[in-house]
PDB file of N, CA and C in Angstrom:
ATOM      1  N   UNK A   1       0.822  -1.176   0.003  1.00  0.00           N
ATOM      2  CA  UNK A   1      -0.002  -0.001  -0.013  1.00  0.00           C
ATOM      3  C   UNK A   1       0.911   1.247   0.002  1.00  0.00           C
ATOM      4  N   UNK A   2       2.008   1.173   0.717  1.00  0.00           N
ATOM      5  CA  UNK A   2       2.866   2.337   0.777  1.00  0.00           C
ATOM      6  C   UNK A   2       3.383   2.722  -0.633  1.00  0.00           C
ATOM      7  N   UNK A   3       3.706   1.742  -1.448  1.00  0.00           N
ATOM      8  CA  UNK A   3       4.158   2.011  -2.810  1.00  0.00           C
ATOM      9  C   UNK A   3       3.088   2.718  -3.616  1.00  0.00           C
ATOM     10  N   UNK A   4       1.839   2.293  -3.460  1.00  0.00           N
ATOM     11  CA  UNK A   4       0.727   2.886  -4.183  1.00  0.00           C
ATOM     12  C   UNK A   4       0.530   4.351  -3.819  1.00  0.00           C
ATOM     13  N   UNK A   5       0.652   4.605  -2.510  1.00  0.00           N
ATOM     14  CA  UNK A   5       0.513   5.997  -2.040  1.00  0.00           C
ATOM     15  C   UNK A   5       1.655   6.843  -2.542  1.00  0.00           C
ATOM     16  N   UNK A   6       2.856   6.340  -2.525  1.00  0.00           N
ATOM     17  CA  UNK A   6       4.011   7.074  -3.048  1.00  0.00           C
ATOM     18  C   UNK A   6       3.848   7.355  -4.549  1.00  0.00           C
ATOM     19  N   UNK A   7       3.347   6.417  -5.262  1.00  0.00           N
ATOM     20  CA  UNK A   7       3.113   6.620  -6.721  1.00  0.00           C
ATOM     21  C   UNK A   7       2.061   7.696  -6.928  1.00  0.00           C
ATOM     22  N   UNK A   8       0.994   7.692  -6.110  1.00  0.00           N
ATOM     23  CA  UNK A   8      -0.064   8.685  -6.234  1.00  0.00           C
ATOM     24  C   UNK A   8       0.545  10.084  -5.883  1.00  0.00           C
ATOM     25  N   UNK A   9       1.318  10.158  -4.845  1.00  0.00           N
ATOM     26  CA  UNK A   9       1.951  11.443  -4.524  1.00  0.00           C
ATOM     27  C   UNK A   9       2.795  11.963  -5.706  1.00  0.00           C
ATOM     28  N   UNK A  10       3.520  11.048  -6.340  1.00  0.00           N
ATOM     29  CA  UNK A  10       4.387  11.408  -7.463  1.00  0.00           C
ATOM     30  C   UNK A  10       3.557  11.952  -8.619  1.00  0.00           C
ATOM     31  N   UNK A  11       2.445  11.285  -8.878  1.00  0.00           N
ATOM     32  CA  UNK A  11       1.567  11.725  -9.993  1.00  0.00           C
ATOM     33  C   UNK A  11       0.935  13.089  -9.673  1.00  0.00           C
ATOM     34  N   UNK A  12       0.531  13.265  -8.396  1.00  0.00           N
ATOM     35  CA  UNK A  12      -0.025  14.591  -8.013  1.00  0.00           C
ATOM     36  C   UNK A  12       1.022  15.692  -8.151  1.00  0.00           C
ATOM     37  N   UNK A  13       2.247  15.406  -7.762  1.00  0.00           N
ATOM     38  CA  UNK A  13       3.299  16.408  -7.865  1.00  0.00           C
ATOM     39  C   UNK A  13       3.554  16.733  -9.346  1.00  0.00           C
ATOM     40  N   UNK A  14       3.503  15.769 -10.200  1.00  0.00           N
ATOM     41  CA  UNK A  14       3.652  15.969 -11.638  1.00  0.00           C
ATOM     42  C   UNK A  14       2.539  16.848 -12.183  1.00  0.00           C
ATOM     43  N   UNK A  15       1.308  16.567 -11.778  1.00  0.00           N
ATOM     44  CA  UNK A  15       0.180  17.403 -12.213  1.00  0.00           C
ATOM     45  C   UNK A  15       0.320  18.839 -11.680  1.00  0.00           C
ATOM     46  N   UNK A  16       0.786  18.971 -10.468  1.00  0.00           N
ATOM     47  CA  UNK A  16       0.992  20.292  -9.873  1.00  0.00           C
ATOM     48  C   UNK A  16       2.019  21.055 -10.674  1.00  0.00           C
ATOM     49  N   UNK A  17       3.130  20.411 -11.033  1.00  0.00           N
ATOM     50  CA  UNK A  17       4.162  21.028 -11.825  1.00  0.00           C
ATOM     51  C   UNK A  17       3.609  21.464 -13.214  1.00  0.00           C
ATOM     52  N   UNK A  18       2.784  20.621 -13.779  1.00  0.00           N
ATOM     53  CA  UNK A  18       2.202  20.975 -15.091  1.00  0.00           C
ATOM     54  C   UNK A  18       1.282  22.233 -14.933  1.00  0.00           C
ATOM     55  N   UNK A  19       0.517  22.299 -13.864  1.00  0.00           N
ATOM     56  CA  UNK A  19      -0.338  23.504 -13.655  1.00  0.00           C
ATOM     57  C   UNK A  19       0.555  24.741 -13.426  1.00  0.00           C
ATOM     58  N   UNK A  20       1.654  24.595 -12.735  1.00  0.00           N
ATOM     59  CA  UNK A  20       2.558  25.737 -12.521  1.00  0.00           C
ATOM     60  C   UNK A  20       3.114  26.233 -13.871  1.00  0.00           C
ATOM     61  N   UNK A  21       3.503  25.297 -14.704  1.00  0.00           N
ATOM     62  CA  UNK A  21       4.022  25.664 -16.065  1.00  0.00           C
ATOM     63  C   UNK A  21       2.943  26.339 -16.875  1.00  0.00           C
ATOM     64  N   UNK A  22       1.720  25.808 -16.761  1.00  0.00           N
ATOM     65  CA  UNK A  22       0.630  26.439 -17.544  1.00  0.00           C
ATOM     66  C   UNK A  22       0.395  27.878 -17.092  1.00  0.00           C
ATOM     67  N   UNK A  23       0.456  28.163 -15.804  1.00  0.00           N
ATOM     68  CA  UNK A  23       0.299  29.503 -15.303  1.00  0.00           C
ATOM     69  C   UNK A  23       1.422  30.383 -15.850  1.00  0.00           C
ATOM     70  N   UNK A  24       2.632  29.888 -15.853  1.00  0.00           N
ATOM     71  CA  UNK A  24       3.769  30.683 -16.339  1.00  0.00           C
ATOM     72  C   UNK A  24       3.605  31.039 -17.804  1.00  0.00           C
ATOM     73  N   UNK A  25       2.968  30.191 -18.566  1.00  0.00           N
ATOM     74  CA  UNK A  25       2.880  30.389 -20.026  1.00  0.00           C
ATOM     75  C   UNK A  25       1.595  31.111 -20.454  1.00  0.00           C
ATOM     76  N   UNK A  26       0.742  31.462 -19.498  1.00  0.00           N
ATOM     77  CA  UNK A  26      -0.524  32.130 -19.833  1.00  0.00           C
ATOM     78  C   UNK A  26      -0.248  33.609 -20.169  1.00  0.00           C
ATOM     79  N   UNK A  27      -1.070  34.138 -21.054  1.00  0.00           N
ATOM     80  CA  UNK A  27      -0.984  35.587 -21.374  1.00  0.00           C
ATOM     81  C   UNK A  27      -1.650  36.348 -20.242  1.00  0.00           C
ATOM     82  N   UNK A  28      -1.366  37.619 -20.225  1.00  0.00           N
ATOM     83  CA  UNK A  28      -1.948  38.464 -19.152  1.00  0.00           C
ATOM     84  C   UNK A  28      -3.479  38.645 -19.267  1.00  0.00           C
ATOM     85  N   UNK A  29      -4.012  38.329 -20.415  1.00  0.00           N
ATOM     86  CA  UNK A  29      -5.474  38.485 -20.653  1.00  0.00           C
ATOM     87  C   UNK A  29      -6.289  37.315 -20.080  1.00  0.00           C
ATOM     88  N   UNK A  30      -5.631  36.214 -19.796  1.00  0.00           N
ATOM     89  CA  UNK A  30      -6.343  34.963 -19.433  1.00  0.00           C
ATOM     90  C   UNK A  30      -6.290  34.709 -17.929  1.00  0.00           C
ATOM     91  N   UNK A  31      -6.939  35.574 -17.135  1.00  0.00           N
ATOM     92  CA  UNK A  31      -6.912  35.420 -15.681  1.00  0.00           C
ATOM     93  C   UNK A  31      -7.800  34.284 -15.151  1.00  0.00           C
ATOM     94  N   UNK A  32      -8.837  33.932 -15.916  1.00  0.00           N
ATOM     95  CA  UNK A  32      -9.732  32.881 -15.427  1.00  0.00           C
ATOM     96  C   UNK A  32      -9.000  31.526 -15.404  1.00  0.00           C
ATOM     97  N   UNK A  33      -8.199  31.224 -16.411  1.00  0.00           N
ATOM     98  CA  UNK A  33      -7.405  29.982 -16.372  1.00  0.00           C
ATOM     99  C   UNK A  33      -6.387  29.975 -15.273  1.00  0.00           C
ATOM    100  N   UNK A  34      -5.821  31.192 -15.011  1.00  0.00           N
ATOM    101  CA  UNK A  34      -4.837  31.282 -13.916  1.00  0.00           C
ATOM    102  C   UNK A  34      -5.503  30.931 -12.583  1.00  0.00           C
ATOM    103  N   UNK A  35      -6.722  31.381 -12.375  1.00  0.00           N
ATOM    104  CA  UNK A  35      -7.447  31.106 -11.107  1.00  0.00           C
ATOM    105  C   UNK A  35      -7.734  29.612 -11.007  1.00  0.00           C
ATOM    106  N   UNK A  36      -8.114  29.003 -12.123  1.00  0.00           N
ATOM    107  CA  UNK A  36      -8.446  27.571 -12.078  1.00  0.00           C
ATOM    108  C   UNK A  36      -7.184  26.744 -11.783  1.00  0.00           C
ATOM    109  N   UNK A  37      -6.099  27.061 -12.416  1.00  0.00           N
ATOM    110  CA  UNK A  37      -4.840  26.324 -12.126  1.00  0.00           C
ATOM    111  C   UNK A  37      -4.280  26.594 -10.740  1.00  0.00           C
ATOM    112  N   UNK A  38      -4.453  27.819 -10.231  1.00  0.00           N
ATOM    113  CA  UNK A  38      -4.068  28.101  -8.853  1.00  0.00           C
ATOM    114  C   UNK A  38      -4.903  27.252  -7.857  1.00  0.00           C
ATOM    115  N   UNK A  39      -6.183  27.100  -8.142  1.00  0.00           N
ATOM    116  CA  UNK A  39      -7.013  26.300  -7.275  1.00  0.00           C
ATOM    117  C   UNK A  39      -6.572  24.819  -7.340  1.00  0.00           C
ATOM    118  N   UNK A  40      -6.238  24.367  -8.563  1.00  0.00           N
ATOM    119  CA  UNK A  40      -5.762  22.960  -8.678  1.00  0.00           C
ATOM    120  C   UNK A  40      -4.472  22.801  -7.903  1.00  0.00           C
ATOM    121  N   UNK A  41      -3.580  23.779  -7.918  1.00  0.00           N
ATOM    122  CA  UNK A  41      -2.329  23.668  -7.186  1.00  0.00           C
ATOM    123  C   UNK A  41      -2.591  23.529  -5.722  1.00  0.00           C
ATOM    124  N   UNK A  42      -3.491  24.357  -5.197  1.00  0.00           N
ATOM    125  CA  UNK A  42      -3.842  24.272  -3.769  1.00  0.00           C
ATOM    126  C   UNK A  42      -4.439  22.918  -3.417  1.00  0.00           C
ATOM    127  N   UNK A  43      -5.282  22.398  -4.288  1.00  0.00           N
ATOM    128  CA  UNK A  43      -5.898  21.069  -4.087  1.00  0.00           C
ATOM    129  C   UNK A  43      -4.828  19.974  -4.116  1.00  0.00           C
ATOM    130  N   UNK A  44      -3.902  20.061  -5.078  1.00  0.00           N
ATOM    131  CA  UNK A  44      -2.802  19.078  -5.126  1.00  0.00           C
ATOM    132  C   UNK A  44      -1.965  19.140  -3.833  1.00  0.00           C
ATOM    133  N   UNK A  45      -1.643  20.363  -3.398  1.00  0.00           N
ATOM    134  CA  UNK A  45      -0.865  20.513  -2.134  1.00  0.00           C
ATOM    135  C   UNK A  45      -1.603  19.865  -0.966  1.00  0.00           C
ATOM    136  N   UNK A  46      -2.903  20.099  -0.868  1.00  0.00           N
ATOM    137  CA  UNK A  46      -3.682  19.547   0.216  1.00  0.00           C
ATOM    138  C   UNK A  46      -3.680  18.018   0.141  1.00  0.00           C
ATOM    139  N   UNK A  47      -3.897  17.433  -0.982  1.00  0.00           N
ATOM    140  CA  UNK A  47      -3.915  15.983  -1.153  1.00  0.00           C
ATOM    141  C   UNK A  47      -2.554  15.380  -0.832  1.00  0.00           C
ATOM    142  N   UNK A  48      -1.518  16.007  -1.349  1.00  0.00           N
ATOM    143  CA  UNK A  48      -0.171  15.497  -1.104  1.00  0.00           C
ATOM    144  C   UNK A  48       0.115  15.515   0.389  1.00  0.00           C
ATOM    145  N   UNK A  49      -0.218  16.618   1.067  1.00  0.00           N
ATOM    146  CA  UNK A  49       0.013  16.727   2.472  1.00  0.00           C
ATOM    147  C   UNK A  49      -0.751  15.639   3.234  1.00  0.00           C
ATOM    148  N   UNK A  50      -1.998  15.368   2.908  1.00  0.00           N
ATOM    149  CA  UNK A  50      -2.770  14.336   3.576  1.00  0.00           C
ATOM    150  C   UNK A  50      -2.196  12.938   3.314  1.00  0.00           C
ATOM    151  N   UNK A  51      -1.770  12.680   2.107  1.00  0.00           N
ATOM    152  CA  UNK A  51      -1.191  11.352   1.743  1.00  0.00           C
ATOM    153  C   UNK A  51       0.109  11.151   2.499  1.00  0.00           C
ATOM    154  N   UNK A  52       0.938  12.198   2.609  1.00  0.00           N
ATOM    155  CA  UNK A  52       2.191  12.063   3.343  1.00  0.00           C
ATOM    156  C   UNK A  52       1.913  11.858   4.829  1.00  0.00           C
ATOM    157  N   UNK A  53       0.856  12.497   5.361  1.00  0.00           N
ATOM    158  CA  UNK A  53       0.484  12.264   6.731  1.00  0.00           C
ATOM    159  C   UNK A  53      -0.003  10.818   6.943  1.00  0.00           C
ATOM    160  N   UNK A  54      -0.672  10.274   5.958  1.00  0.00           N
ATOM    161  CA  UNK A  54      -1.132   8.885   6.049  1.00  0.00           C
ATOM    162  C   UNK A  54       0.083   7.940   6.065  1.00  0.00           C
ATOM    163  N   UNK A  55       1.106   8.238   5.239  1.00  0.00           N
ATOM    164  CA  UNK A  55       2.319   7.410   5.248  1.00  0.00           C
ATOM    165  C   UNK A  55       3.012   7.496   6.631  1.00  0.00           C
ATOM    166  N   UNK A  56       3.125   8.711   7.185  1.00  0.00           N
ATOM    167  CA  UNK A  56       3.707   8.856   8.490  1.00  0.00           C
ATOM    168  C   UNK A  56       2.971   8.103   9.573  1.00  0.00           C
ATOM    169  N   UNK A  57       1.648   8.178   9.504  1.00  0.00           N
ATOM    170  CA  UNK A  57       0.815   7.463  10.462  1.00  0.00           C
ATOM    171  C   UNK A  57       1.055   5.939  10.353  1.00  0.00           C
ATOM    172  N   UNK A  58       1.083   5.482   9.128  1.00  0.00           N
ATOM    173  CA  UNK A  58       1.312   4.023   8.888  1.00  0.00           C
ATOM    174  C   UNK A  58       2.691   3.621   9.418  1.00  0.00           C
ATOM    175  N   UNK A  59       3.698   4.425   9.129  1.00  0.00           N
ATOM    176  CA  UNK A  59       5.050   4.088   9.553  1.00  0.00           C
ATOM    177  C   UNK A  59       5.196   4.142  11.091  1.00  0.00           C
ATOM    178  N   UNK A  60       4.495   5.039  11.746  1.00  0.00           N
ATOM    179  CA  UNK A  60       4.492   5.042  13.216  1.00  0.00           C
ATOM    180  C   UNK A  60       3.823   3.800  13.756  1.00  0.00           C
ATOM    181  N   UNK A  61       2.730   3.365  13.104  1.00  0.00           N
ATOM    182  CA  UNK A  61       2.046   2.176  13.563  1.00  0.00           C
ATOM    183  C   UNK A  61       2.925   0.947  13.376  1.00  0.00           C
ATOM    184  N   UNK A  62       3.684   0.872  12.283  1.00  0.00           N
ATOM    185  CA  UNK A  62       4.596  -0.262  12.086  1.00  0.00           C
ATOM    186  C   UNK A  62       5.692  -0.227  13.098  1.00  0.00           C
ATOM    187  N   UNK A  63       6.242   0.952  13.381  1.00  0.00           N
ATOM    188  CA  UNK A  63       7.317   1.053  14.388  1.00  0.00           C
ATOM    189  C   UNK A  63       6.810   0.681  15.798  1.00  0.00           C
ATOM    190  N   UNK A  64       5.608   1.064  16.074  1.00  0.00           N
ATOM    191  CA  UNK A  64       5.041   0.719  17.372  1.00  0.00           C
ATOM    192  C   UNK A  64       4.830  -0.760  17.494  1.00  0.00           C
ATOM    193  N   UNK A  65       4.358  -1.382  16.425  1.00  0.00           N
ATOM    194  CA  UNK A  65       4.155  -2.845  16.429  1.00  0.00           C
ATOM    195  C   UNK A  65       5.521  -3.570  16.604  1.00  0.00           C
ATOM    196  N   UNK A  66       6.575  -3.001  15.989  1.00  0.00           N
ATOM    197  CA  UNK A  66       7.885  -3.597  16.109  1.00  0.00           C
ATOM    198  C   UNK A  66       8.367  -3.541  17.545  1.00  0.00           C
ATOM    199  N   UNK A  67       8.098  -2.385  18.236  1.00  0.00           N
ATOM    200  CA  UNK A  67       8.485  -2.227  19.651  1.00  0.00           C
ATOM    201  C   UNK A  67       7.760  -3.200  20.485  1.00  0.00           C
ATOM    202  N   UNK A  68       6.472  -3.422  20.248  1.00  0.00           N
ATOM    203  CA  UNK A  68       5.700  -4.353  21.048  1.00  0.00           C
ATOM    204  C   UNK A  68       6.122  -5.795  20.876  1.00  0.00           C
ATOM    205  N   UNK A  69       6.663  -6.119  19.719  1.00  0.00           N
ATOM    206  CA  UNK A  69       7.114  -7.479  19.456  1.00  0.00           C
ATOM    207  C   UNK A  69       8.428  -7.746  20.142  1.00  0.00           C
ATOM    208  N   UNK A  70       9.217  -6.679  20.356  1.00  0.00           N
ATOM    209  CA  UNK A  70      10.539  -6.875  21.004  1.00  0.00           C
ATOM    210  C   UNK A  70      10.350  -6.800  22.453  1.00  0.00           C
TER     211      UNK A  70
END
């Protein structure tokens, strides 16, 4: 499961980078697309943060189980 979450994080970071590039390449007249991509970037950041938190929680649980076994 950890590998799947890491792959998802990687794909989200790739999409975030693509949105950042799109914003950089927009003309000054196209503010609506800039707002849409900015919103996507915030959403990607939120999801990445939550998925990383899930990995940390899982790793702490594994470490705690290891301690209990020893």
